[in-house]
Amino acid sequence: MRQIKIIVEKHPEGYVAYPLGLKGVVVGEGDTYEEALADVKSAVKFHMESFGEEALEMDEVIETFVAEVAV
């Protein structure tokens, strides 16, 4: 079993979750934090079953930062 960091965002319409350290696009969503987390966990499992170890980034994500910039 592998630990994967998940980002969960709260939006007016619900929650969106996505993993760090996977190649490709994997997203989960739900009306609650827990639903979004369960949905993305299921999506990650499917992604890993489909693409195997090749879906993982070579380097582990050690830390994540959220920054804000003006554009």
N, C-alpha and C. Protein backbone atom coordinates (compact mmCIF):
# COMPACT_ATOMS: atom_id res chain seq x y z
N MET A 1 0.85 -1.18 0.00
CA MET A 1 0.00 0.00 0.00
C MET A 1 0.89 1.24 0.00
N ARG A 2 0.50 2.24 -0.75
CA ARG A 2 1.29 3.45 -0.91
C ARG A 2 0.51 4.66 -0.40
N GLN A 3 1.18 5.56 0.27
CA GLN A 3 0.57 6.81 0.73
C GLN A 3 0.66 7.85 -0.38
N ILE A 4 -0.43 8.50 -0.68
CA ILE A 4 -0.47 9.55 -1.71
C ILE A 4 -1.11 10.78 -1.10
N LYS A 5 -0.48 11.93 -1.33
CA LYS A 5 -1.04 13.19 -0.84
C LYS A 5 -2.19 13.61 -1.75
N ILE A 6 -3.29 14.05 -1.14
CA ILE A 6 -4.48 14.47 -1.87
C ILE A 6 -4.79 15.93 -1.52
N ILE A 7 -5.05 16.72 -2.53
CA ILE A 7 -5.51 18.10 -2.35
C ILE A 7 -7.03 18.09 -2.42
N VAL A 8 -7.68 18.73 -1.47
CA VAL A 8 -9.15 18.83 -1.47
C VAL A 8 -9.50 20.31 -1.45
N GLU A 9 -10.29 20.72 -2.42
CA GLU A 9 -10.74 22.12 -2.53
C GLU A 9 -12.23 22.20 -2.24
N LYS A 10 -12.62 23.23 -1.51
CA LYS A 10 -14.04 23.46 -1.25
C LYS A 10 -14.51 24.57 -2.18
N HIS A 11 -15.57 24.28 -2.93
CA HIS A 11 -16.17 25.23 -3.86
C HIS A 11 -17.63 25.44 -3.47
N PRO A 12 -18.27 26.48 -3.97
CA PRO A 12 -19.69 26.68 -3.65
C PRO A 12 -20.57 25.48 -4.04
N GLU A 13 -20.17 24.75 -5.10
CA GLU A 13 -20.98 23.62 -5.58
C GLU A 13 -20.63 22.30 -4.89
N GLY A 14 -19.55 22.26 -4.11
CA GLY A 14 -19.13 21.03 -3.45
C GLY A 14 -17.62 20.98 -3.34
N TYR A 15 -17.08 19.77 -3.28
CA TYR A 15 -15.65 19.55 -3.08
C TYR A 15 -15.04 18.87 -4.29
N VAL A 16 -13.77 19.22 -4.56
CA VAL A 16 -12.99 18.61 -5.63
C VAL A 16 -11.69 18.13 -5.00
N ALA A 17 -11.26 16.92 -5.36
CA ALA A 17 -10.02 16.37 -4.81
C ALA A 17 -9.16 15.81 -5.92
N TYR A 18 -7.84 15.96 -5.78
CA TYR A 18 -6.92 15.40 -6.76
C TYR A 18 -5.60 15.04 -6.08
N PRO A 19 -4.94 14.00 -6.59
CA PRO A 19 -3.71 13.54 -5.96
C PRO A 19 -2.48 14.27 -6.48
N LEU A 20 -1.45 14.27 -5.67
CA LEU A 20 -0.14 14.76 -6.09
C LEU A 20 0.74 13.56 -6.40
N GLY A 21 1.60 13.69 -7.38
CA GLY A 21 2.57 12.65 -7.65
C GLY A 21 2.11 11.56 -8.60
N LEU A 22 1.00 11.79 -9.31
CA LEU A 22 0.56 10.83 -10.32
C LEU A 22 0.67 11.48 -11.69
N LYS A 23 1.07 10.71 -12.67
CA LYS A 23 1.07 11.19 -14.04
C LYS A 23 -0.34 11.06 -14.59
N GLY A 24 -0.79 12.04 -15.34
CA GLY A 24 -2.14 12.00 -15.88
C GLY A 24 -3.09 12.79 -14.98
N VAL A 25 -4.33 12.79 -15.36
CA VAL A 25 -5.34 13.55 -14.63
C VAL A 25 -6.25 12.60 -13.88
N VAL A 26 -6.34 12.80 -12.58
CA VAL A 26 -7.22 12.01 -11.72
C VAL A 26 -7.93 13.00 -10.81
N VAL A 27 -9.26 13.01 -10.83
CA VAL A 27 -10.03 13.96 -10.04
C VAL A 27 -11.21 13.24 -9.41
N GLY A 28 -11.55 13.64 -8.20
CA GLY A 28 -12.75 13.15 -7.53
C GLY A 28 -13.58 14.34 -7.11
N GLU A 29 -14.87 14.12 -6.90
CA GLU A 29 -15.73 15.21 -6.45
C GLU A 29 -16.82 14.66 -5.56
N GLY A 30 -17.45 15.56 -4.81
CA GLY A 30 -18.55 15.15 -3.95
C GLY A 30 -19.19 16.34 -3.28
N ASP A 31 -20.34 16.10 -2.69
CA ASP A 31 -21.04 17.15 -1.95
C ASP A 31 -20.37 17.44 -0.61
N THR A 32 -19.62 16.46 -0.10
CA THR A 32 -18.92 16.63 1.18
C THR A 32 -17.44 16.32 0.98
N TYR A 33 -16.65 16.73 1.96
CA TYR A 33 -15.21 16.43 1.96
C TYR A 33 -14.99 14.92 1.87
N GLU A 34 -15.73 14.18 2.67
CA GLU A 34 -15.57 12.73 2.72
C GLU A 34 -15.93 12.06 1.38
N GLU A 35 -17.00 12.56 0.73
CA GLU A 35 -17.40 12.00 -0.57
C GLU A 35 -16.33 12.26 -1.62
N ALA A 36 -15.78 13.47 -1.63
CA ALA A 36 -14.74 13.80 -2.60
C ALA A 36 -13.49 12.95 -2.37
N LEU A 37 -13.13 12.75 -1.11
CA LEU A 37 -11.96 11.94 -0.79
C LEU A 37 -12.17 10.48 -1.19
N ALA A 38 -13.34 9.94 -0.92
CA ALA A 38 -13.65 8.56 -1.32
C ALA A 38 -13.65 8.42 -2.84
N ASP A 39 -14.19 9.42 -3.54
CA ASP A 39 -14.26 9.38 -5.00
C ASP A 39 -12.86 9.42 -5.61
N VAL A 40 -11.99 10.29 -5.10
CA VAL A 40 -10.64 10.37 -5.67
C VAL A 40 -9.84 9.12 -5.31
N LYS A 41 -10.07 8.54 -4.14
CA LYS A 41 -9.38 7.30 -3.77
C LYS A 41 -9.74 6.19 -4.76
N SER A 42 -11.01 6.09 -5.09
CA SER A 42 -11.46 5.11 -6.07
C SER A 42 -10.83 5.37 -7.44
N ALA A 43 -10.78 6.64 -7.83
CA ALA A 43 -10.19 7.01 -9.12
C ALA A 43 -8.70 6.70 -9.16
N VAL A 44 -7.99 6.94 -8.06
CA VAL A 44 -6.56 6.65 -8.00
C VAL A 44 -6.33 5.14 -8.11
N LYS A 45 -7.13 4.35 -7.41
CA LYS A 45 -6.99 2.89 -7.50
C LYS A 45 -7.19 2.42 -8.94
N PHE A 46 -8.22 2.93 -9.61
CA PHE A 46 -8.46 2.56 -11.01
C PHE A 46 -7.30 2.99 -11.89
N HIS A 47 -6.79 4.18 -11.69
CA HIS A 47 -5.66 4.71 -12.46
C HIS A 47 -4.44 3.82 -12.29
N MET A 48 -4.16 3.41 -11.05
CA MET A 48 -3.00 2.56 -10.77
C MET A 48 -3.19 1.17 -11.38
N GLU A 49 -4.41 0.64 -11.33
CA GLU A 49 -4.67 -0.67 -11.94
C GLU A 49 -4.51 -0.60 -13.46
N SER A 50 -4.89 0.54 -14.04
CA SER A 50 -4.81 0.70 -15.49
C SER A 50 -3.39 0.91 -15.99
N PHE A 51 -2.60 1.73 -15.26
CA PHE A 51 -1.29 2.13 -15.75
C PHE A 51 -0.12 1.59 -14.94
N GLY A 52 -0.39 0.94 -13.82
CA GLY A 52 0.65 0.34 -13.00
C GLY A 52 1.60 1.37 -12.41
N GLU A 53 2.80 0.92 -12.11
CA GLU A 53 3.81 1.78 -11.48
C GLU A 53 4.22 2.95 -12.36
N GLU A 54 3.99 2.83 -13.65
CA GLU A 54 4.34 3.92 -14.57
C GLU A 54 3.52 5.18 -14.29
N ALA A 55 2.41 5.04 -13.61
CA ALA A 55 1.56 6.19 -13.29
C ALA A 55 2.14 7.05 -12.17
N LEU A 56 3.10 6.51 -11.43
CA LEU A 56 3.69 7.25 -10.31
C LEU A 56 4.85 8.11 -10.79
N GLU A 57 4.95 9.29 -10.23
CA GLU A 57 6.11 10.14 -10.47
C GLU A 57 7.30 9.46 -9.81
N MET A 58 8.47 9.65 -10.37
CA MET A 58 9.66 9.01 -9.82
C MET A 58 10.01 9.52 -8.42
N ASP A 59 9.91 10.81 -8.20
CA ASP A 59 10.24 11.39 -6.91
C ASP A 59 8.99 11.58 -6.07
N GLU A 60 9.07 11.25 -4.82
CA GLU A 60 7.96 11.42 -3.89
C GLU A 60 7.73 12.91 -3.63
N VAL A 61 6.48 13.32 -3.50
CA VAL A 61 6.17 14.69 -3.12
C VAL A 61 6.40 14.80 -1.62
N ILE A 62 7.36 15.60 -1.24
CA ILE A 62 7.74 15.70 0.17
C ILE A 62 6.87 16.70 0.91
N GLU A 63 6.58 17.80 0.26
CA GLU A 63 5.82 18.87 0.91
C GLU A 63 5.04 19.62 -0.17
N THR A 64 3.91 20.19 0.21
CA THR A 64 3.07 20.93 -0.71
C THR A 64 2.84 22.33 -0.14
N PHE A 65 2.88 23.32 -1.00
CA PHE A 65 2.63 24.69 -0.59
C PHE A 65 1.49 25.27 -1.41
N VAL A 66 0.75 26.17 -0.84
CA VAL A 66 -0.26 26.92 -1.55
C VAL A 66 0.20 28.37 -1.55
N ALA A 67 0.35 28.93 -2.74
CA ALA A 67 0.81 30.30 -2.87
C ALA A 67 -0.21 31.08 -3.70
N GLU A 68 -0.18 32.37 -3.54
CA GLU A 68 -1.08 33.24 -4.30
C GLU A 68 -0.25 34.33 -4.96
N VAL A 69 -0.49 34.53 -6.26
CA VAL A 69 0.21 35.57 -7.01
C VAL A 69 -0.80 36.38 -7.82
N ALA A 70 -0.50 37.61 -8.10
CA ALA A 70 -1.36 38.44 -8.95
C ALA A 70 -0.92 38.24 -10.39
N VAL A 71 -1.89 38.05 -11.29
CA VAL A 71 -1.56 37.90 -12.71
C VAL A 71 -2.38 38.86 -13.54
